[in-house]
Amino acid sequence: MPKRDPVELAAHLVAALYAATSGRRGRFRRIDDCAARAGITKPADIERAVRTAEEAGFLVRQVDEPLVMLTELGRHAAHPRGDGKR
């Protein structure tokens, strides 16, 4: 089976994180919960999704815990209307 596209994985993860936080600022969520919500189950795919979204500036990863939070750019990108204002 071919590897899943990391940009697609990241997009699904960012959208799931946006939904999990209702688009609110400053809300960390568990990586595995967001990945499950996004339908990403393989550990390698989860890591690629997080790394790709982090490198694009859409999320930040907590250093000592498996948590992620959307940046302003990530909130804007995931917002249904694209404006990120809530």
C-alpha atoms as a PDB file:
ATOM      1  CA  MET A   1       0.000   0.000   0.000  1.00  0.00           C
ATOM      2  CA  PRO A   2       1.444   3.418  -0.930  1.00  0.00           C
ATOM      3  CA  LYS A   3       2.253   6.011   1.684  1.00  0.00           C
ATOM      4  CA  ARG A   4      -0.456   8.583   2.281  1.00  0.00           C
ATOM      5  CA  ASP A   5       0.309  12.120   1.135  1.00  0.00           C
ATOM      6  CA  PRO A   6       1.707  14.072   4.126  1.00  0.00           C
ATOM      7  CA  VAL A   7      -0.046  17.298   3.067  1.00  0.00           C
ATOM      8  CA  GLU A   8      -3.390  15.497   2.962  1.00  0.00           C
ATOM      9  CA  LEU A   9      -2.707  13.917   6.354  1.00  0.00           C
ATOM     10  CA  ALA A  10      -1.786  17.301   7.813  1.00  0.00           C
ATOM     11  CA  ALA A  11      -4.924  18.897   6.380  1.00  0.00           C
ATOM     12  CA  HIS A  12      -7.132  16.253   7.973  1.00  0.00           C
ATOM     13  CA  LEU A  13      -5.318  16.593  11.293  1.00  0.00           C
ATOM     14  CA  VAL A  14      -5.610  20.397  11.304  1.00  0.00           C
ATOM     15  CA  ALA A  15      -9.316  20.175  10.466  1.00  0.00           C
ATOM     16  CA  ALA A  16      -9.858  17.652  13.259  1.00  0.00           C
ATOM     17  CA  LEU A  17      -7.971  19.846  15.730  1.00  0.00           C
ATOM     18  CA  TYR A  18     -10.059  22.832  14.686  1.00  0.00           C
ATOM     19  CA  ALA A  19     -13.247  20.831  15.273  1.00  0.00           C
ATOM     20  CA  ALA A  20     -11.989  19.505  18.615  1.00  0.00           C
ATOM     21  CA  THR A  21     -11.257  23.018  19.865  1.00  0.00           C
ATOM     22  CA  SER A  22     -14.279  24.651  18.217  1.00  0.00           C
ATOM     23  CA  GLY A  23     -11.741  26.970  16.596  1.00  0.00           C
ATOM     24  CA  ARG A  24     -10.838  28.619  19.896  1.00  0.00           C
ATOM     25  CA  ARG A  25      -7.352  29.962  20.557  1.00  0.00           C
ATOM     26  CA  GLY A  26      -4.926  28.489  23.034  1.00  0.00           C
ATOM     27  CA  ARG A  27      -6.505  25.028  23.266  1.00  0.00           C
ATOM     28  CA  PHE A  28      -4.227  22.013  23.318  1.00  0.00           C
ATOM     29  CA  ARG A  29      -5.585  18.595  22.425  1.00  0.00           C
ATOM     30  CA  ARG A  30      -4.073  15.115  22.494  1.00  0.00           C
ATOM     31  CA  ILE A  31      -2.406  14.136  19.232  1.00  0.00           C
ATOM     32  CA  ASP A  32      -3.854  10.613  19.226  1.00  0.00           C
ATOM     33  CA  ASP A  33      -7.399  11.915  19.791  1.00  0.00           C
ATOM     34  CA  CYS A  34      -7.118  14.363  16.883  1.00  0.00           C
ATOM     35  CA  ALA A  35      -5.567  11.717  14.655  1.00  0.00           C
ATOM     36  CA  ALA A  36      -8.367   9.261  15.454  1.00  0.00           C
ATOM     37  CA  ARG A  37     -10.937  11.965  14.715  1.00  0.00           C
ATOM     38  CA  ALA A  38      -9.161  12.561  11.387  1.00  0.00           C
ATOM     39  CA  GLY A  39      -9.084   8.847  10.552  1.00  0.00           C
ATOM     40  CA  ILE A  40      -5.297   8.626  10.824  1.00  0.00           C
ATOM     41  CA  THR A  41      -4.400   5.404  12.609  1.00  0.00           C
ATOM     42  CA  LYS A  42      -0.840   4.432  11.702  1.00  0.00           C
ATOM     43  CA  PRO A  43       1.815   5.890  14.026  1.00  0.00           C
ATOM     44  CA  ALA A  44       4.063   6.812  11.068  1.00  0.00           C
ATOM     45  CA  ASP A  45       1.179   8.647   9.389  1.00  0.00           C
ATOM     46  CA  ILE A  46       0.348  10.470  12.617  1.00  0.00           C
ATOM     47  CA  GLU A  47       3.941  11.626  13.004  1.00  0.00           C
ATOM     48  CA  ARG A  48       4.120  12.727   9.351  1.00  0.00           C
ATOM     49  CA  ALA A  49       0.850  14.645   9.704  1.00  0.00           C
ATOM     50  CA  VAL A  50       2.007  16.453  12.842  1.00  0.00           C
ATOM     51  CA  ARG A  51       5.454  17.209  11.434  1.00  0.00           C
ATOM     52  CA  THR A  52       4.050  18.500   8.134  1.00  0.00           C
ATOM     53  CA  ALA A  53       1.447  20.718   9.843  1.00  0.00           C
ATOM     54  CA  GLU A  54       4.073  21.976  12.288  1.00  0.00           C
ATOM     55  CA  GLU A  55       6.549  22.804   9.511  1.00  0.00           C
ATOM     56  CA  ALA A  56       3.795  24.676   7.638  1.00  0.00           C
ATOM     57  CA  GLY A  57       3.150  26.755  10.758  1.00  0.00           C
ATOM     58  CA  PHE A  58      -0.391  25.445  11.328  1.00  0.00           C
ATOM     59  CA  LEU A  59       0.176  23.959  14.770  1.00  0.00           C
ATOM     60  CA  VAL A  60       2.602  23.756  17.636  1.00  0.00           C
ATOM     61  CA  ARG A  61       3.488  20.625  19.526  1.00  0.00           C
ATOM     62  CA  GLN A  62       3.851  20.558  23.300  1.00  0.00           C
ATOM     63  CA  VAL A  63       7.437  19.619  24.110  1.00  0.00           C
ATOM     64  CA  ASP A  64       6.887  17.252  27.031  1.00  0.00           C
ATOM     65  CA  GLU A  65       3.411  15.886  26.305  1.00  0.00           C
ATOM     66  CA  PRO A  66       1.660  14.469  23.196  1.00  0.00           C
ATOM     67  CA  LEU A  67      -0.421  17.622  22.688  1.00  0.00           C
ATOM     68  CA  VAL A  68      -0.927  20.023  19.779  1.00  0.00           C
ATOM     69  CA  MET A  69      -2.508  23.452  19.412  1.00  0.00           C
ATOM     70  CA  LEU A  70      -3.472  25.430  16.321  1.00  0.00           C
ATOM     71  CA  THR A  71      -1.583  28.609  15.553  1.00  0.00           C
ATOM     72  CA  GLU A  72      -3.409  31.663  14.227  1.00  0.00           C
ATOM     73  CA  LEU A  73      -2.391  30.567  10.733  1.00  0.00           C
ATOM     74  CA  GLY A  74      -3.776  27.089  11.397  1.00  0.00           C
ATOM     75  CA  ARG A  75      -7.042  28.484  12.736  1.00  0.00           C
ATOM     76  CA  HIS A  76      -7.371  30.662   9.659  1.00  0.00           C
ATOM     77  CA  ALA A  77      -6.614  27.781   7.290  1.00  0.00           C
ATOM     78  CA  ALA A  78      -9.095  25.435   8.974  1.00  0.00           C
ATOM     79  CA  HIS A  79     -11.925  27.920   9.379  1.00  0.00           C
ATOM     80  CA  PRO A  80     -14.888  26.988   7.153  1.00  0.00           C
ATOM     81  CA  ARG A  81     -15.103  30.522   5.746  1.00  0.00           C
ATOM     82  CA  GLY A  82     -11.340  30.955   5.723  1.00  0.00           C
ATOM     83  CA  ASP A  83     -11.366  34.038   7.939  1.00  0.00           C
ATOM     84  CA  GLY A  84     -10.534  32.397  11.271  1.00  0.00           C
ATOM     85  CA  LYS A  85     -12.474  35.004  13.251  1.00  0.00           C
ATOM     86  CA  ARG A  86     -14.428  33.703  16.215  1.00  0.00           C
END
